[in-house]
Amino acid sequence: MIERARIKLSPWQQAAVAVGSAVGALLDPRRADLIAALGETTGKPAFERVLERMRRSPEGRAVLLERPRVISAKVGHAWDLPENTFGAAYARFMGSRNFSPDDRPPVRFMDTDELAYVAMRAREVHDFWHTLFGLPTNLTGESALKVIEFEQMHLPMCLLSVVGGTSRFNAKQRKLFFQHYFPWAVKAGFQCTDLMCVYYEQHFHEDLEDARRKWGIIPAPTAPK
């Protein structure tokens, strides 16, 4: 499925898609397809480094070998797990927002099937990271998670998303983000394990707090009143 969706681009075409996606995403940060295209057309070196790290990690190698997909048919059992588990927390996160794991746009602009899978995996584990870090899906929460994603993967798209997202803050939101969430996100992204090397689906049954401790996750702080 990943392979069929791929489109081969010349360097000029890749640059054109990157610029067009960047402009469109800045104008409308809700356009997941444009953000995805921007990530792919500017992120190949970063995804190559992530791939190499996954190859060096036993759990990362298992992910590359088995290529699990975060889709309803594969993660639906999370809704049946005990409420203290990571899987149940993920199910609550998705259910409370009426999200579906099947809504992610396909990868289109990666050169190889393996890189395409890594890009898709990065896209599909996004909501696992929301769950683990306890971040909301509003503009503040998404911008904070993009800081963590940049520290983990060094994708230019993440940095551009932070710039685009924070430019839409009002003065109060901007002050809250840079004084409260940004310093936490920098520390959290640096301290935690290599999150792309985790086979999350194999840890669904574990206690959420135990999983956080094992992976060095610092949950998001409560916003000051």
C-alpha atoms as a PDB file:
ATOM      1  CA  MET A   1       0.000   0.000   0.000  1.00  0.00           C
ATOM      2  CA  ILE A   2       2.833   2.400   0.829  1.00  0.00           C
ATOM      3  CA  GLU A   3       4.689   1.449  -2.349  1.00  0.00           C
ATOM      4  CA  ARG A   4       1.678   1.995  -4.643  1.00  0.00           C
ATOM      5  CA  ALA A   5       1.138   5.507  -3.303  1.00  0.00           C
ATOM      6  CA  ARG A   6       4.677   6.729  -4.014  1.00  0.00           C
ATOM      7  CA  ILE A   7       5.420   9.365  -6.651  1.00  0.00           C
ATOM      8  CA  LYS A   8       8.890   9.860  -8.127  1.00  0.00           C
ATOM      9  CA  LEU A   9       9.898  13.547  -8.244  1.00  0.00           C
ATOM     10  CA  SER A  10      12.796  15.321  -9.924  1.00  0.00           C
ATOM     11  CA  PRO A  11      14.800  17.713  -7.715  1.00  0.00           C
ATOM     12  CA  TRP A  12      12.952  20.690  -9.214  1.00  0.00           C
ATOM     13  CA  GLN A  13       9.579  19.060  -8.667  1.00  0.00           C
ATOM     14  CA  GLN A  14      10.542  18.193  -5.109  1.00  0.00           C
ATOM     15  CA  ALA A  15      11.519  21.804  -4.439  1.00  0.00           C
ATOM     16  CA  ALA A  16       8.270  23.065  -5.960  1.00  0.00           C
ATOM     17  CA  VAL A  17       6.180  20.693  -3.824  1.00  0.00           C
ATOM     18  CA  ALA A  18       8.151  21.691  -0.716  1.00  0.00           C
ATOM     19  CA  VAL A  19       7.658  25.423  -1.292  1.00  0.00           C
ATOM     20  CA  GLY A  20       3.989  25.048  -2.195  1.00  0.00           C
ATOM     21  CA  SER A  21       3.329  22.813   0.802  1.00  0.00           C
ATOM     22  CA  ALA A  22       5.156  25.177   3.155  1.00  0.00           C
ATOM     23  CA  VAL A  23       3.144  28.177   2.004  1.00  0.00           C
ATOM     24  CA  GLY A  24      -0.127  26.266   2.137  1.00  0.00           C
ATOM     25  CA  ALA A  25       0.600  24.803   5.579  1.00  0.00           C
ATOM     26  CA  LEU A  26       1.475  28.227   6.987  1.00  0.00           C
ATOM     27  CA  LEU A  27      -1.799  29.616   5.648  1.00  0.00           C
ATOM     28  CA  ASP A  28      -3.806  26.671   6.996  1.00  0.00           C
ATOM     29  CA  PRO A  29      -2.023  24.516   9.642  1.00  0.00           C
ATOM     30  CA  ARG A  30      -5.016  22.132   9.649  1.00  0.00           C
ATOM     31  CA  ARG A  31      -4.053  20.815   6.182  1.00  0.00           C
ATOM     32  CA  ALA A  32      -2.521  17.484   7.200  1.00  0.00           C
ATOM     33  CA  ASP A  33      -1.859  16.580   3.564  1.00  0.00           C
ATOM     34  CA  LEU A  34       0.292  19.678   3.028  1.00  0.00           C
ATOM     35  CA  ILE A  35       2.176  19.170   6.278  1.00  0.00           C
ATOM     36  CA  ALA A  36       2.801  15.542   5.277  1.00  0.00           C
ATOM     37  CA  ALA A  37       4.074  16.562   1.829  1.00  0.00           C
ATOM     38  CA  LEU A  38       6.353  19.176   3.402  1.00  0.00           C
ATOM     39  CA  GLY A  39       7.746  16.594   5.813  1.00  0.00           C
ATOM     40  CA  GLU A  40       8.522  14.148   3.019  1.00  0.00           C
ATOM     41  CA  THR A  41      10.042  16.586   0.515  1.00  0.00           C
ATOM     42  CA  THR A  42      12.308  18.278   3.093  1.00  0.00           C
ATOM     43  CA  GLY A  43      12.923  15.371   5.452  1.00  0.00           C
ATOM     44  CA  LYS A  44      14.746  12.660   3.496  1.00  0.00           C
ATOM     45  CA  PRO A  45      18.133  13.113   5.285  1.00  0.00           C
ATOM     46  CA  ALA A  46      16.383  13.124   8.658  1.00  0.00           C
ATOM     47  CA  PHE A  47      14.390   9.980   7.822  1.00  0.00           C
ATOM     48  CA  GLU A  48      17.591   8.279   6.649  1.00  0.00           C
ATOM     49  CA  ARG A  49      19.180   8.979  10.042  1.00  0.00           C
ATOM     50  CA  VAL A  50      16.086   7.665  11.828  1.00  0.00           C
ATOM     51  CA  LEU A  51      16.255   4.516   9.688  1.00  0.00           C
ATOM     52  CA  GLU A  52      19.886   3.940  10.663  1.00  0.00           C
ATOM     53  CA  ARG A  53      19.057   4.368  14.362  1.00  0.00           C
ATOM     54  CA  MET A  54      16.194   1.905  14.057  1.00  0.00           C
ATOM     55  CA  ARG A  55      18.518  -0.621  12.405  1.00  0.00           C
ATOM     56  CA  ARG A  56      20.885  -0.369  15.386  1.00  0.00           C
ATOM     57  CA  SER A  57      18.109  -0.898  17.952  1.00  0.00           C
ATOM     58  CA  PRO A  58      16.733  -4.406  18.659  1.00  0.00           C
ATOM     59  CA  GLU A  59      13.193  -3.071  19.038  1.00  0.00           C
ATOM     60  CA  GLY A  60      13.639  -0.731  16.089  1.00  0.00           C
ATOM     61  CA  ARG A  61      14.807  -3.651  13.919  1.00  0.00           C
ATOM     62  CA  ALA A  62      11.709  -5.597  14.920  1.00  0.00           C
ATOM     63  CA  VAL A  63       9.543  -2.675  13.791  1.00  0.00           C
ATOM     64  CA  LEU A  64      11.370  -2.528  10.440  1.00  0.00           C
ATOM     65  CA  LEU A  65      11.084  -6.278   9.974  1.00  0.00           C
ATOM     66  CA  GLU A  66       7.402  -6.632  10.858  1.00  0.00           C
ATOM     67  CA  ARG A  67       6.264  -3.186   9.668  1.00  0.00           C
ATOM     68  CA  PRO A  68       3.281  -2.804  11.998  1.00  0.00           C
ATOM     69  CA  ARG A  69       0.612  -0.330  10.912  1.00  0.00           C
ATOM     70  CA  VAL A  70      -1.357   1.889  13.280  1.00  0.00           C
ATOM     71  CA  ILE A  71      -4.747   1.285  11.719  1.00  0.00           C
ATOM     72  CA  SER A  72      -8.077   0.241  13.218  1.00  0.00           C
ATOM     73  CA  ALA A  73      -7.696  -3.388  12.183  1.00  0.00           C
ATOM     74  CA  LYS A  74      -4.389  -3.624  14.077  1.00  0.00           C
ATOM     75  CA  VAL A  75      -4.900  -1.483  17.193  1.00  0.00           C
ATOM     76  CA  GLY A  76      -8.624  -1.962  17.851  1.00  0.00           C
ATOM     77  CA  HIS A  77      -7.898  -4.288  20.772  1.00  0.00           C
ATOM     78  CA  ALA A  78      -6.587  -1.267  22.731  1.00  0.00           C
ATOM     79  CA  TRP A  79     -10.223  -0.335  23.425  1.00  0.00           C
ATOM     80  CA  ASP A  80     -10.638  -3.571  25.431  1.00  0.00           C
ATOM     81  CA  LEU A  81      -7.586  -3.224  27.694  1.00  0.00           C
ATOM     82  CA  PRO A  82      -7.681  -2.307  31.424  1.00  0.00           C
ATOM     83  CA  GLU A  83      -8.025   1.421  31.976  1.00  0.00           C
ATOM     84  CA  ASN A  84      -4.600   1.853  33.602  1.00  0.00           C
ATOM     85  CA  THR A  85      -2.749   0.588  30.516  1.00  0.00           C
ATOM     86  CA  PHE A  86      -0.993   2.536  27.811  1.00  0.00           C
ATOM     87  CA  GLY A  87      -3.281   0.970  25.218  1.00  0.00           C
ATOM     88  CA  ALA A  88      -6.423   2.050  27.049  1.00  0.00           C
ATOM     89  CA  ALA A  89      -5.045   5.583  27.472  1.00  0.00           C
ATOM     90  CA  TYR A  90      -4.440   5.719  23.722  1.00  0.00           C
ATOM     91  CA  ALA A  91      -7.986   4.475  23.083  1.00  0.00           C
ATOM     92  CA  ARG A  92      -9.405   7.170  25.384  1.00  0.00           C
ATOM     93  CA  PHE A  93      -7.343   9.833  23.645  1.00  0.00           C
ATOM     94  CA  MET A  94      -8.642   8.778  20.245  1.00  0.00           C
ATOM     95  CA  GLY A  95     -12.228   8.123  21.313  1.00  0.00           C
ATOM     96  CA  SER A  96     -12.672  11.365  23.233  1.00  0.00           C
ATOM     97  CA  ARG A  97     -11.760  13.296  20.082  1.00  0.00           C
ATOM     98  CA  ASN A  98     -13.569  11.043  17.643  1.00  0.00           C
ATOM     99  CA  PHE A  99     -10.250  10.389  15.882  1.00  0.00           C
ATOM    100  CA  SER A 100      -9.611   7.361  13.685  1.00  0.00           C
ATOM    101  CA  PRO A 101      -6.146   5.832  13.216  1.00  0.00           C
ATOM    102  CA  ASP A 102      -7.106   5.332   9.561  1.00  0.00           C
ATOM    103  CA  ASP A 103      -7.180   9.071   8.785  1.00  0.00           C
ATOM    104  CA  ARG A 104      -3.452   9.597   8.151  1.00  0.00           C
ATOM    105  CA  PRO A 105      -2.543  10.638   4.578  1.00  0.00           C
ATOM    106  CA  PRO A 106      -0.372   8.177   2.613  1.00  0.00           C
ATOM    107  CA  VAL A 107       3.349   8.653   2.045  1.00  0.00           C
ATOM    108  CA  ARG A 108       3.942   9.795  -1.540  1.00  0.00           C
ATOM    109  CA  PHE A 109       7.415  11.256  -1.985  1.00  0.00           C
ATOM    110  CA  MET A 110       9.969   8.890  -0.419  1.00  0.00           C
ATOM    111  CA  ASP A 111      12.557   7.237  -2.686  1.00  0.00           C
ATOM    112  CA  THR A 112      12.489   3.717  -1.244  1.00  0.00           C
ATOM    113  CA  ASP A 113       9.924   1.464   0.344  1.00  0.00           C
ATOM    114  CA  GLU A 114      11.924   1.338   3.577  1.00  0.00           C
ATOM    115  CA  LEU A 115      12.124   5.122   3.877  1.00  0.00           C
ATOM    116  CA  ALA A 116       8.444   5.339   3.017  1.00  0.00           C
ATOM    117  CA  TYR A 117       7.670   2.997   5.898  1.00  0.00           C
ATOM    118  CA  VAL A 118       9.777   5.068   8.323  1.00  0.00           C
ATOM    119  CA  ALA A 119       7.944   8.231   7.231  1.00  0.00           C
ATOM    120  CA  MET A 120       4.596   6.488   7.652  1.00  0.00           C
ATOM    121  CA  ARG A 121       5.610   5.132  11.049  1.00  0.00           C
ATOM    122  CA  ALA A 122       6.580   8.631  12.210  1.00  0.00           C
ATOM    123  CA  ARG A 123       3.173   9.855  11.079  1.00  0.00           C
ATOM    124  CA  GLU A 124       1.229   7.005  12.662  1.00  0.00           C
ATOM    125  CA  VAL A 125       2.882   7.077  16.113  1.00  0.00           C
ATOM    126  CA  HIS A 126       2.058  10.792  16.511  1.00  0.00           C
ATOM    127  CA  ASP A 127      -1.030  10.010  18.604  1.00  0.00           C
ATOM    128  CA  PHE A 128       0.942   7.573  20.774  1.00  0.00           C
ATOM    129  CA  TRP A 129       3.210  10.498  21.612  1.00  0.00           C
ATOM    130  CA  HIS A 130       0.219  12.721  22.387  1.00  0.00           C
ATOM    131  CA  THR A 131      -0.950  10.040  24.806  1.00  0.00           C
ATOM    132  CA  LEU A 132       2.410   9.488  26.475  1.00  0.00           C
ATOM    133  CA  PHE A 133       3.205  13.173  26.921  1.00  0.00           C
ATOM    134  CA  GLY A 134      -0.370  14.073  27.878  1.00  0.00           C
ATOM    135  CA  LEU A 135      -0.637  16.831  25.287  1.00  0.00           C
ATOM    136  CA  PRO A 136      -3.937  18.174  23.937  1.00  0.00           C
ATOM    137  CA  THR A 137      -4.603  18.557  20.216  1.00  0.00           C
ATOM    138  CA  ASN A 138      -5.103  22.314  20.266  1.00  0.00           C
ATOM    139  CA  LEU A 139      -2.549  24.632  18.656  1.00  0.00           C
ATOM    140  CA  THR A 140      -0.506  24.868  21.855  1.00  0.00           C
ATOM    141  CA  GLY A 141      -0.361  21.105  22.312  1.00  0.00           C
ATOM    142  CA  GLU A 142       0.492  20.421  18.682  1.00  0.00           C
ATOM    143  CA  SER A 143       3.232  23.084  18.699  1.00  0.00           C
ATOM    144  CA  ALA A 144       4.751  21.631  21.869  1.00  0.00           C
ATOM    145  CA  LEU A 145       4.720  18.130  20.391  1.00  0.00           C
ATOM    146  CA  LYS A 146       6.389  19.435  17.224  1.00  0.00           C
ATOM    147  CA  VAL A 147       9.262  20.688  19.417  1.00  0.00           C
ATOM    148  CA  ILE A 148       9.662  17.157  20.789  1.00  0.00           C
ATOM    149  CA  GLU A 149       9.398  15.661  17.312  1.00  0.00           C
ATOM    150  CA  PHE A 150      12.102  18.015  16.055  1.00  0.00           C
ATOM    151  CA  GLU A 151      14.432  16.975  18.861  1.00  0.00           C
ATOM    152  CA  GLN A 152      13.729  13.322  18.142  1.00  0.00           C
ATOM    153  CA  MET A 153      13.915  13.352  14.329  1.00  0.00           C
ATOM    154  CA  HIS A 154      15.348  16.762  13.261  1.00  0.00           C
ATOM    155  CA  LEU A 155      12.705  17.131  10.579  1.00  0.00           C
ATOM    156  CA  PRO A 156      12.641  20.681   9.134  1.00  0.00           C
ATOM    157  CA  MET A 157       8.861  20.383   8.882  1.00  0.00           C
ATOM    158  CA  CYS A 158       8.602  20.204  12.678  1.00  0.00           C
ATOM    159  CA  LEU A 159      10.500  23.456  13.098  1.00  0.00           C
ATOM    160  CA  LEU A 160       8.418  25.153  10.411  1.00  0.00           C
ATOM    161  CA  SER A 161       5.243  23.897  12.099  1.00  0.00           C
ATOM    162  CA  VAL A 162       6.317  25.455  15.399  1.00  0.00           C
ATOM    163  CA  VAL A 163       7.001  28.770  13.650  1.00  0.00           C
ATOM    164  CA  GLY A 164       3.686  28.625  11.807  1.00  0.00           C
ATOM    165  CA  GLY A 165       1.726  27.544  14.859  1.00  0.00           C
ATOM    166  CA  THR A 166       3.134  30.092  17.271  1.00  0.00           C
ATOM    167  CA  SER A 167       2.632  32.898  14.739  1.00  0.00           C
ATOM    168  CA  ARG A 168      -1.093  32.308  15.179  1.00  0.00           C
ATOM    169  CA  PHE A 169      -0.989  32.697  18.966  1.00  0.00           C
ATOM    170  CA  ASN A 170      -2.362  35.800  20.616  1.00  0.00           C
ATOM    171  CA  ALA A 171      -0.095  37.575  23.098  1.00  0.00           C
ATOM    172  CA  LYS A 172      -1.342  35.564  26.078  1.00  0.00           C
ATOM    173  CA  GLN A 173      -0.965  32.219  24.265  1.00  0.00           C
ATOM    174  CA  ARG A 174       2.523  33.135  23.038  1.00  0.00           C
ATOM    175  CA  LYS A 175       3.668  34.053  26.541  1.00  0.00           C
ATOM    176  CA  LEU A 176       2.220  30.809  27.956  1.00  0.00           C
ATOM    177  CA  PHE A 177       3.868  28.712  25.254  1.00  0.00           C
ATOM    178  CA  PHE A 178       7.368  30.173  25.437  1.00  0.00           C
ATOM    179  CA  GLN A 179       7.468  30.520  29.219  1.00  0.00           C
ATOM    180  CA  HIS A 180       5.717  27.275  30.102  1.00  0.00           C
ATOM    181  CA  TYR A 181       5.465  24.675  27.336  1.00  0.00           C
ATOM    182  CA  PHE A 182       8.534  25.368  25.206  1.00  0.00           C
ATOM    183  CA  PRO A 183      11.131  24.856  27.997  1.00  0.00           C
ATOM    184  CA  TRP A 184       9.333  21.671  29.089  1.00  0.00           C
ATOM    185  CA  ALA A 185       9.194  20.332  25.507  1.00  0.00           C
ATOM    186  CA  VAL A 186      12.921  20.947  24.957  1.00  0.00           C
ATOM    187  CA  LYS A 187      13.748  19.048  28.147  1.00  0.00           C
ATOM    188  CA  ALA A 188      11.211  16.283  27.498  1.00  0.00           C
ATOM    189  CA  GLY A 189      12.378  15.655  23.937  1.00  0.00           C
ATOM    190  CA  PHE A 190      16.014  15.525  25.006  1.00  0.00           C
ATOM    191  CA  GLN A 191      15.527  13.305  28.055  1.00  0.00           C
ATOM    192  CA  CYS A 192      13.297  10.562  26.647  1.00  0.00           C
ATOM    193  CA  THR A 193      14.414   7.466  24.776  1.00  0.00           C
ATOM    194  CA  ASP A 194      14.651   7.289  20.981  1.00  0.00           C
ATOM    195  CA  LEU A 195      10.906   7.172  20.420  1.00  0.00           C
ATOM    196  CA  MET A 196      11.111   5.953  16.825  1.00  0.00           C
ATOM    197  CA  CYS A 197      12.788   2.775  18.088  1.00  0.00           C
ATOM    198  CA  VAL A 198       9.843   1.736  20.288  1.00  0.00           C
ATOM    199  CA  TYR A 199       7.457  -1.021  19.208  1.00  0.00           C
ATOM    200  CA  TYR A 200       4.502   0.621  20.922  1.00  0.00           C
ATOM    201  CA  GLU A 201       1.934  -2.015  20.056  1.00  0.00           C
ATOM    202  CA  GLN A 202       3.870  -4.585  22.094  1.00  0.00           C
ATOM    203  CA  HIS A 203       3.544  -2.351  25.174  1.00  0.00           C
ATOM    204  CA  PHE A 204      -0.189  -1.655  25.019  1.00  0.00           C
ATOM    205  CA  HIS A 205      -0.820  -3.967  27.975  1.00  0.00           C
ATOM    206  CA  GLU A 206       1.661  -2.167  30.250  1.00  0.00           C
ATOM    207  CA  ASP A 207       0.700   0.366  32.908  1.00  0.00           C
ATOM    208  CA  LEU A 208       0.832   3.853  31.423  1.00  0.00           C
ATOM    209  CA  GLU A 209       2.989   5.309  34.189  1.00  0.00           C
ATOM    210  CA  ASP A 210       5.372   2.337  34.033  1.00  0.00           C
ATOM    211  CA  ALA A 211       5.754   2.867  30.284  1.00  0.00           C
ATOM    212  CA  ARG A 212       6.440   6.555  30.797  1.00  0.00           C
ATOM    213  CA  ARG A 213       9.138   5.827  33.380  1.00  0.00           C
ATOM    214  CA  LYS A 214      10.749   3.161  31.187  1.00  0.00           C
ATOM    215  CA  TRP A 215      10.994   5.537  28.215  1.00  0.00           C
ATOM    216  CA  GLY A 216      11.957   8.627  30.229  1.00  0.00           C
ATOM    217  CA  ILE A 217       8.738  10.467  29.390  1.00  0.00           C
ATOM    218  CA  ILE A 218       8.036  13.689  31.277  1.00  0.00           C
ATOM    219  CA  PRO A 219       4.282  14.401  30.968  1.00  0.00           C
ATOM    220  CA  ALA A 220       3.249  17.919  30.041  1.00  0.00           C
ATOM    221  CA  PRO A 221       2.885  20.270  33.005  1.00  0.00           C
ATOM    222  CA  THR A 222      -0.450  21.690  34.003  1.00  0.00           C
ATOM    223  CA  ALA A 223      -0.941  25.149  32.602  1.00  0.00           C
ATOM    224  CA  PRO A 224      -0.790  27.848  35.294  1.00  0.00           C
ATOM    225  CA  LYS A 225      -4.062  29.542  36.153  1.00  0.00           C
END
